Protein backbone atom coordinates (compact mmCIF):
# COMPACT_ATOMS: atom_id res chain seq x y z
CA MET A 1 -2.09 68.14 -26.86
CA SER A 2 -3.17 65.28 -28.97
CA ARG A 3 0.37 64.02 -29.38
CA ILE A 4 0.61 63.06 -25.61
CA PRO A 5 -1.74 60.01 -25.42
CA GLU A 6 0.24 58.79 -28.61
CA LYS A 7 3.63 59.10 -26.65
CA ILE A 8 2.02 57.31 -23.88
CA ILE A 9 0.72 54.51 -26.07
CA ALA A 10 4.11 54.19 -27.75
CA GLY A 11 6.03 53.95 -24.52
CA LEU A 12 3.81 51.19 -23.23
CA LEU A 13 4.35 49.33 -26.49
CA VAL A 14 7.99 49.69 -26.13
CA LEU A 15 7.74 48.40 -22.34
CA PHE A 16 5.60 45.63 -23.30
CA LEU A 17 8.20 44.55 -26.02
CA VAL A 18 11.06 44.71 -23.60
CA ILE A 19 9.38 42.93 -20.85
CA THR A 20 8.23 40.05 -23.31
CA VAL A 21 11.54 39.58 -24.76
CA GLY A 22 13.16 39.87 -21.28
CA TYR A 23 10.85 37.23 -20.08
CA GLN A 24 11.62 34.94 -23.16
CA VAL A 25 15.30 35.27 -22.50
CA TYR A 26 14.77 34.45 -18.81
CA LEU A 27 12.87 31.24 -19.73
CA GLY A 28 15.46 29.96 -22.27
CA PHE A 29 18.39 30.50 -20.02
CA TYR A 30 17.11 29.67 -16.56
CA GLY A 31 13.86 30.67 -15.06
CA GLY A 32 11.51 28.52 -17.65
CA ILE A 33 13.21 25.34 -16.68
CA LYS A 34 11.14 22.86 -14.54
CA TYR A 35 12.10 19.34 -13.69
CA GLU A 36 11.00 16.42 -11.61
CA THR A 37 13.00 13.55 -9.96
CA VAL A 38 11.91 10.19 -11.55
CA TYR A 39 11.38 7.17 -9.41
CA ASP A 40 11.05 3.50 -9.89
CA TYR A 41 7.34 2.13 -10.68
CA THR A 42 5.70 -1.17 -11.09
CA VAL A 43 2.78 -2.10 -13.38
CA LEU A 44 0.77 -5.30 -12.33
CA ARG A 45 -1.74 -7.03 -14.53
CA SER A 46 -3.62 -9.08 -12.02
CA ILE A 47 -7.05 -10.17 -10.94
CA ALA A 48 -8.52 -11.07 -7.78
CA VAL A 49 -10.24 -14.50 -7.33
CA ASP A 50 -11.65 -16.98 -4.93
CA GLY A 51 -10.58 -20.50 -4.98
CA ILE A 52 -10.14 -23.94 -3.65
CA ALA A 53 -7.00 -26.22 -3.86
CA ILE A 54 -7.07 -29.80 -5.23
CA ARG A 55 -4.74 -32.51 -4.30
CA SER A 56 -4.06 -35.99 -4.33
CA GLU A 57 -4.28 -36.87 -0.60
CA GLN A 58 -4.66 -39.84 1.83
CA ILE A 59 -5.81 -39.43 5.52
CA ILE A 60 -3.54 -41.41 7.89
CA GLY A 61 -5.85 -42.45 10.46
CA ASP A 62 -7.28 -42.03 14.01
CA LYS A 63 -5.16 -40.89 16.76
CA PRO A 64 -4.71 -43.91 19.28
CA GLY A 65 -4.67 -41.86 22.22
CA GLY A 66 -2.21 -40.41 24.59
CA ILE A 67 0.28 -37.53 24.41
CA GLU A 68 1.25 -36.98 20.62
CA ASN A 69 4.82 -36.27 19.28
CA SER A 70 4.93 -35.48 15.54
CA ILE A 71 8.06 -36.57 14.18
CA PHE A 72 8.00 -34.34 10.98
CA GLU A 73 7.18 -30.76 10.28
CA ASP A 74 4.37 -30.19 7.72
CA GLY A 75 5.54 -30.24 4.19
CA THR A 76 8.19 -32.91 4.66
CA ARG A 77 8.70 -35.84 2.33
CA VAL A 78 8.24 -39.12 4.12
CA SER A 79 8.29 -42.83 2.72
CA VAL A 80 5.74 -45.33 3.10
CA GLY A 81 6.01 -47.23 6.27
CA GLU A 82 8.14 -44.48 7.84
CA ASN A 83 6.99 -43.46 11.56
CA ILE A 84 5.46 -40.00 11.12
CA ALA A 85 4.01 -39.59 14.70
CA GLU A 86 4.21 -41.43 18.28
CA PHE A 87 1.83 -41.47 21.10
CA TYR A 88 2.87 -42.01 24.58
CA LYS A 89 1.17 -42.44 28.06
CA ASN A 90 2.69 -39.85 29.96
CA GLU A 91 5.54 -37.07 30.02
CA GLN A 92 7.92 -39.53 31.28
CA SER A 93 7.79 -41.73 28.33
CA ASN A 94 7.97 -38.49 26.22
CA ALA A 95 11.32 -37.52 27.87
CA SER A 96 12.77 -41.12 27.42
CA LEU A 97 11.40 -41.21 23.98
CA ARG A 98 13.30 -37.77 23.05
CA ARG A 99 16.51 -38.94 24.60
CA MET A 100 16.36 -42.33 22.74
CA ARG A 101 16.07 -40.14 19.54
CA GLU A 102 18.97 -38.13 20.42
CA LEU A 103 21.01 -41.18 21.22
CA GLU A 104 20.13 -42.79 17.88
CA ALA A 105 21.13 -39.61 15.92
CA GLU A 106 24.53 -39.48 17.77
CA ILE A 107 25.31 -43.28 17.30
CA LYS A 108 24.67 -42.75 13.48
CA MET A 109 26.74 -39.65 13.47
CA LEU A 110 29.72 -41.57 15.16
CA GLU A 111 29.32 -44.63 12.82
CA ASP A 112 29.44 -42.38 9.90
CA ALA A 113 32.51 -40.63 11.02
CA GLN A 114 34.58 -43.44 11.17
CA ASP A 115 33.44 -45.02 7.95
CA GLY A 116 36.69 -46.27 6.15
CA SER A 117 36.09 -43.82 3.18
CA VAL A 118 37.20 -40.79 5.33
CA ASN A 119 39.75 -42.11 7.61
CA ASN A 120 43.13 -40.84 5.73
CA PHE A 121 44.79 -37.57 5.88
CA SER A 122 44.04 -36.62 1.98
CA THR A 123 40.46 -35.53 3.39
CA ALA A 124 41.82 -33.28 6.22
CA ASP A 125 41.91 -30.17 3.89
CA MET A 126 38.49 -30.73 2.67
CA LEU A 127 37.24 -31.12 6.43
CA ASN A 128 39.04 -27.95 7.38
CA ARG A 129 37.32 -26.07 4.72
CA ASP A 130 33.89 -27.60 5.65
CA ILE A 131 34.51 -26.72 9.36
CA ARG A 132 35.40 -23.10 8.36
CA GLU A 133 32.02 -22.96 6.33
CA GLN A 134 29.93 -24.32 9.17
CA LEU A 135 31.46 -21.93 11.77
CA ALA A 136 30.76 -18.79 9.39
CA SER A 137 27.36 -19.92 8.98
CA LEU A 138 26.90 -20.43 12.70
CA ALA A 139 28.25 -16.81 13.16
CA LYS A 140 25.89 -15.41 10.57
CA VAL A 141 22.74 -16.91 11.89
CA THR A 142 23.79 -15.99 15.47
CA GLY A 143 24.36 -12.51 14.39
CA SER A 144 20.88 -12.38 12.64
CA ARG A 145 19.22 -13.95 15.50
CA ARG A 146 17.88 -16.87 13.50
CA PHE A 147 18.55 -19.27 16.27
CA HIS A 148 15.96 -21.86 14.88
CA THR A 149 18.60 -22.98 12.23
CA SER A 150 21.51 -23.38 14.84
CA GLY A 151 20.68 -26.72 15.81
CA ASP A 152 21.16 -28.14 12.30
CA ILE A 153 24.54 -26.28 11.78
CA LYS A 154 25.62 -27.66 15.36
CA LYS A 155 25.06 -31.18 14.37
CA GLU A 156 26.74 -30.90 10.94
CA LEU A 157 29.82 -29.13 12.67
CA THR A 158 30.07 -31.88 15.29
CA SER A 159 29.92 -34.57 12.53
CA LEU A 160 32.85 -32.88 10.62
CA VAL A 161 34.80 -32.56 13.89
CA ASN A 162 34.31 -36.27 14.46
CA LYS A 163 35.49 -37.14 10.93
CA LYS A 164 38.60 -34.99 11.32
CA GLN A 165 39.65 -36.76 14.54
CA ILE A 166 39.40 -40.26 12.44
CA ALA A 167 41.07 -38.55 9.39
CA THR A 168 44.14 -37.00 11.29
CA GLY A 169 44.46 -40.11 13.50
CA GLN A 170 43.63 -38.24 16.87
CA VAL A 171 41.29 -41.16 17.73
CA LYS A 172 41.25 -44.47 16.26
CA ASN A 173 37.50 -45.15 16.49
CA PHE A 174 34.54 -44.29 18.46
CA ASN A 175 33.56 -47.77 19.41
CA SER A 176 33.56 -47.35 23.21
CA ARG A 177 31.30 -44.02 22.79
CA ILE A 178 28.95 -46.10 20.50
CA GLU A 179 28.75 -48.95 23.11
CA ALA A 180 27.96 -46.68 25.73
CA LEU A 181 25.15 -44.82 23.74
CA LYS A 182 23.62 -48.14 22.79
CA SER A 183 23.71 -49.58 26.37
CA GLU A 184 21.77 -46.29 27.65
CA HIS A 185 19.36 -46.50 24.57
CA SER A 186 18.52 -50.41 25.63
CA ARG A 187 18.19 -49.24 29.35
CA LEU A 188 15.69 -46.53 28.41
CA ARG A 189 13.67 -48.88 26.21
CA SER A 190 13.50 -51.59 28.76
CA ALA A 191 12.53 -49.18 31.57
CA ASP A 192 9.77 -47.63 29.57
CA ALA A 193 8.63 -50.82 27.84
CA GLU A 194 5.05 -50.46 29.45
CA SER A 195 4.64 -47.06 28.33
CA TYR A 196 6.53 -46.91 25.06
CA ALA A 197 5.07 -44.81 22.21
CA VAL A 198 2.69 -46.14 19.59
CA ALA A 199 3.81 -45.21 16.32
CA ALA A 200 1.89 -44.17 13.51
CA GLN A 201 3.21 -45.12 10.10
CA ALA A 202 2.83 -43.38 6.66
CA PRO A 203 0.37 -45.37 4.49
CA VAL A 204 1.84 -44.14 1.13
CA SER A 205 4.97 -42.05 0.26
CA GLY A 206 4.33 -38.12 -0.11
CA PHE A 207 4.39 -35.03 1.88
CA PHE A 208 3.21 -34.92 5.52
CA SER A 209 0.41 -32.42 6.79
CA ARG A 210 -1.30 -32.46 10.16
CA HIS A 211 -4.25 -30.26 8.62
CA VAL A 212 -7.17 -32.55 7.68
CA ASP A 213 -10.30 -30.40 6.31
CA GLY A 214 -12.73 -33.02 5.17
CA TYR A 215 -12.12 -32.36 1.44
CA GLU A 216 -9.37 -35.19 1.21
CA GLU A 217 -11.62 -37.47 -0.80
CA ALA A 218 -13.96 -35.02 -2.53
CA LEU A 219 -11.33 -32.73 -4.25
CA THR A 220 -8.78 -34.86 -6.05
CA PRO A 221 -7.53 -34.85 -9.64
CA ASP A 222 -9.76 -37.87 -10.35
CA THR A 223 -12.99 -36.46 -8.67
CA VAL A 224 -12.83 -33.39 -10.47
CA GLN A 225 -11.90 -34.99 -13.95
CA ASN A 226 -15.48 -34.37 -15.30
CA PHE A 227 -16.44 -31.36 -13.22
CA SER A 228 -18.49 -28.57 -14.93
CA ILE A 229 -18.14 -25.05 -14.28
CA ALA A 230 -20.92 -25.28 -12.01
CA ASP A 231 -19.47 -28.14 -9.99
CA TYR A 232 -16.42 -25.89 -9.30
CA LEU A 233 -18.54 -23.14 -8.35
CA SER A 234 -20.51 -25.06 -5.98
CA PHE A 235 -17.50 -26.10 -4.09
CA ILE A 236 -15.89 -22.54 -4.18
CA ASP A 237 -18.87 -20.84 -2.85
CA ALA A 238 -19.91 -23.39 -0.30
CA PRO A 239 -19.08 -22.98 3.41
CA THR A 240 -16.14 -24.42 4.92
CA ARG A 241 -16.65 -28.09 6.01
CA THR A 242 -16.31 -29.09 9.64
CA PRO A 243 -12.94 -31.25 9.65
CA PRO A 244 -13.07 -34.88 10.79
CA ALA A 245 -12.01 -35.25 14.53
CA ASN A 246 -9.15 -37.15 15.90
CA LYS A 247 -7.06 -37.62 12.58
CA ILE A 248 -3.51 -37.77 12.70
CA GLY A 249 -3.05 -35.87 9.30
CA LYS A 250 -2.49 -36.82 5.73
CA ILE A 251 -0.06 -37.62 3.04
CA VAL A 252 -0.17 -35.57 -0.24
CA THR A 253 0.87 -38.17 -2.65
CA THR A 254 2.38 -35.84 -5.36
CA GLN A 255 4.14 -32.63 -5.68
CA ASN A 256 1.59 -31.41 -8.50
CA TRP A 257 -1.72 -29.99 -7.36
CA MET A 258 -4.43 -27.79 -8.78
CA PHE A 259 -6.16 -24.47 -7.76
CA ALA A 260 -9.49 -23.78 -9.22
CA ALA A 261 -10.24 -19.98 -9.21
CA ALA A 262 -13.56 -18.16 -9.98
CA CYS A 263 -13.49 -14.60 -11.24
CA ASP A 264 -15.87 -12.21 -13.40
CA LYS A 265 -16.46 -13.16 -16.97
CA HIS A 266 -14.88 -9.90 -18.24
CA ASN A 267 -11.51 -11.01 -17.35
CA LEU A 268 -11.54 -13.41 -20.14
CA GLU A 269 -9.69 -11.00 -22.20
CA ILE A 270 -6.49 -11.31 -20.43
CA VAL A 271 -6.51 -15.01 -19.48
CA ARG A 272 -5.23 -17.67 -21.84
CA THR A 273 -4.51 -21.42 -21.43
CA GLY A 274 -0.99 -21.99 -21.20
CA GLN A 275 0.10 -18.94 -19.44
CA GLU A 276 2.80 -18.80 -16.79
CA VAL A 277 1.53 -16.68 -13.89
CA THR A 278 1.86 -16.33 -10.26
CA LEU A 279 -0.36 -17.01 -7.36
CA VAL A 280 -0.29 -14.82 -3.92
CA PHE A 281 -2.54 -16.15 -1.22
CA ASP A 282 -3.83 -14.06 1.36
CA SER A 283 -2.18 -16.10 4.29
CA ILE A 284 1.26 -16.71 2.32
CA ASN A 285 3.64 -13.86 1.71
CA ARG A 286 5.31 -15.02 -1.35
CA ARG A 287 4.69 -15.65 -5.00
CA ILE A 288 3.67 -19.35 -6.43
CA PRO A 289 4.43 -19.99 -9.97
CA ALA A 290 1.53 -21.60 -11.93
CA THR A 291 0.33 -22.44 -15.48
CA ILE A 292 -3.09 -22.09 -16.58
CA THR A 293 -4.50 -25.30 -17.88
CA HIS A 294 -7.98 -24.65 -18.47
CA VAL A 295 -10.52 -21.86 -18.84
CA LEU A 296 -14.07 -22.81 -18.27
CA GLN A 297 -16.97 -20.82 -19.02
CA ASP A 298 -20.60 -20.99 -19.60
CA ARG A 299 -23.10 -18.51 -21.26
CA ASP A 300 -25.57 -18.85 -18.18
CA GLU A 301 -22.84 -17.98 -15.72
CA ASP A 302 -21.39 -14.50 -15.10
CA ARG A 303 -18.24 -15.89 -13.87
CA ILE A 304 -15.43 -18.12 -15.22
CA VAL A 305 -13.31 -20.78 -13.58
CA ILE A 306 -9.47 -20.80 -14.28
CA LEU A 307 -7.71 -23.98 -13.40
CA LEU A 308 -3.92 -23.66 -12.46
CA ARG A 309 -1.42 -26.22 -12.19
CA CYS A 310 1.05 -25.66 -9.34
CA ASN A 311 4.20 -27.90 -8.03
CA GLN A 312 5.39 -26.22 -5.20
CA VAL A 313 5.07 -27.91 -1.65
CA SER A 314 5.43 -26.50 1.72
CA GLY A 315 3.70 -26.78 5.13
CA ASP A 316 1.61 -23.58 4.59
CA LEU A 317 0.64 -24.47 1.07
CA LEU A 318 -0.59 -27.92 2.22
CA ALA A 319 -2.81 -26.21 4.92
CA LEU A 320 -4.68 -24.23 2.10
CA ARG A 321 -8.23 -25.24 0.71
CA HIS A 322 -10.82 -22.16 0.63
CA THR A 323 -8.94 -19.26 -0.05
CA PRO A 324 -8.84 -15.81 -1.98
CA ALA A 325 -5.89 -15.06 -4.07
CA VAL A 326 -4.25 -12.76 -6.63
CA ILE A 327 -3.32 -14.17 -10.08
CA THR A 328 -0.60 -11.79 -11.48
CA PHE A 329 -0.26 -12.35 -15.39
CA SER A 330 2.60 -9.84 -15.75
CA GLN A 331 4.79 -7.36 -13.75
CA HIS A 332 7.10 -4.77 -15.12
CA THR A 333 9.31 -2.43 -13.14
CA GLY A 334 11.31 0.47 -14.40
CA VAL A 335 11.93 4.37 -14.25
CA ARG A 336 8.86 6.10 -15.12
CA ILE A 337 8.64 8.60 -17.69
CA ASN A 338 5.44 10.51 -18.61
CA MET A 339 4.88 10.89 -22.25
CA PRO A 340 4.95 14.72 -22.44
CA ASP A 341 8.48 14.76 -21.13
CA ILE A 342 9.91 12.59 -23.97
CA ARG A 343 12.05 14.30 -26.62
CA PHE A 344 13.78 13.25 -29.72
CA GLN A 345 17.40 13.42 -31.47
CA GLY A 346 16.77 12.15 -34.60
CA ASP A 347 14.96 8.92 -34.23
CA LYS A 348 16.23 8.32 -30.71
CA ARG A 349 13.84 8.68 -28.07
CA GLY A 350 14.90 10.20 -24.63
CA VAL A 351 14.73 12.99 -22.14
CA TYR A 352 16.48 16.13 -21.23
CA VAL A 353 17.87 15.93 -17.54
CA LEU A 354 19.49 18.54 -15.49
CA ASP A 355 22.91 17.60 -14.40
CA LYS A 356 23.89 20.33 -11.87
CA ASN A 357 23.71 23.37 -14.21
CA THR A 358 24.06 21.31 -17.43
CA VAL A 359 21.45 19.81 -19.70
CA ARG A 360 21.93 16.33 -20.79
CA PHE A 361 19.99 14.18 -23.17
CA LYS A 362 19.68 10.61 -22.05
CA LEU A 363 18.07 7.87 -23.93
CA ILE A 364 15.10 5.75 -22.74
CA ASP A 365 15.15 1.68 -22.85
CA PRO A 366 11.49 0.82 -22.64
CA VAL A 367 10.34 -2.17 -20.95
CA TYR A 368 6.65 -1.26 -20.88
CA GLU A 369 4.52 1.39 -22.41
CA GLU A 370 0.97 2.72 -21.86
CA GLN A 371 -0.80 5.73 -23.24
CA ASN A 372 0.43 8.18 -20.55
CA PHE A 373 3.83 6.88 -19.69
CA ILE A 374 6.71 4.56 -20.40
CA LEU A 375 8.99 2.31 -18.00
CA SER A 376 12.71 2.57 -19.04
CA ARG A 377 15.01 -0.24 -17.98
CA LEU A 378 15.89 -0.10 -14.27
CA ILE A 379 19.81 0.14 -14.04
CA PRO A 380 21.13 -1.26 -10.81
CA PRO A 381 22.10 1.28 -8.21
CA ASP A 382 25.75 0.32 -8.28
CA VAL A 383 25.97 0.75 -11.83
CA ARG A 384 26.09 4.14 -13.39
CA ASP A 385 25.38 4.44 -17.10
CA ASP A 386 24.94 8.05 -18.24
CA THR A 387 23.56 6.77 -21.78
CA TYR A 388 20.25 5.94 -20.35
CA VAL A 389 17.89 7.50 -17.85
CA ASN A 390 18.73 6.68 -14.39
CA LEU A 391 16.73 6.45 -11.01
CA PHE A 392 16.64 9.86 -9.38
CA ASP A 393 17.70 11.72 -12.33
CA GLN A 394 15.96 15.27 -12.60
CA VAL A 395 14.23 15.11 -15.83
CA ILE A 396 13.27 18.37 -17.53
CA THR A 397 9.47 18.77 -17.97
CA ARG A 398 9.28 22.46 -19.40
CA GLY A 399 12.06 24.39 -21.09
CA ILE A 400 12.96 26.39 -24.24
CA ASP A 401 15.67 25.64 -26.74
CA LEU A 402 17.01 22.58 -24.88
CA SER A 403 20.10 20.86 -26.27
CA ASP A 404 22.63 18.31 -24.98
CA GLY A 405 25.40 19.98 -23.18
CA LYS A 406 23.60 23.51 -22.84
CA VAL A 407 24.79 25.38 -19.81
CA VAL A 408 22.01 26.86 -17.63
CA ARG A 409 23.10 29.99 -15.59
């Protein structure tokens, strides 16, 4: 009777060994492999700031009254003395003015077309090429429904067709058409003499903006030259000023401008003078390149002020003054590989990936590393490089006795 429990125990031990060995075999050949699809990942080193724009600007002056017609879009470069806005008494004068501008543009186009430098057959091939390019551009913008750009293409296309007519001898000149246009222009000017627009001119050369906010004289490169950190913070923290009324606009006299940004002092560890960074403003959906020129700090202040130099100009940038922003110091994008999934073949780092039912070893090409993961170089989707890990590869995260070429059943 005493031998029965011993047999039971022995049987249980044998069964346990069979199950254990069988399970290990199962893990090694198939059941133990787990994998995850890898995706792209972006790491940003950035800080949120509040700041204020500093530019060299000159206010144009008061509006003379009447209906305003701005000639230029915000951000357009203008020359000193150039008409930038016109003011007329009534809508009839406005219609006449618009027609005169159209006539002036057509007269110039025709005079350019019959210029002596483009009146021979040797230019016909080049003109045909340019005409085809403009037609292709017109088809593209029409297909994408970006009709706001079609006007400029139409003007250029008309000019090219006129030049081709002269170059190929289809017409000798456009003198009769030019005279008719000039006659209409003179008639409109004479008929509208009493209500003809008063023109506002640019006092200096630079970039035009209709946006005036009251800081044009207070915040310039000259006025902030001796600012302390407290001076900058007083402007950054102050409520927005009431804009002066009835101003035509302003001229920003140089392409270079500054942005003074305030942030917590603990950010000093990543901020360095001379760094190339990018700025993103809440109201502008694009990255603006900038360079850090100064970092101001004071032991009595819990914030620092970062001075950045920018040289991009556009209408929306010229409208900025008080604004939050994000300063990005670095940006890295790649295929994310978690550290526990990394394997070695000799001194080469890589990962095992499951390619259908075959294990493959692929190298990592690091572009960024942290304690818990590595970003491997992102290979373009139209390029297949099986030497390195690719986007959407199935990286093995668990498995026993893995080797390159091993077939998993």
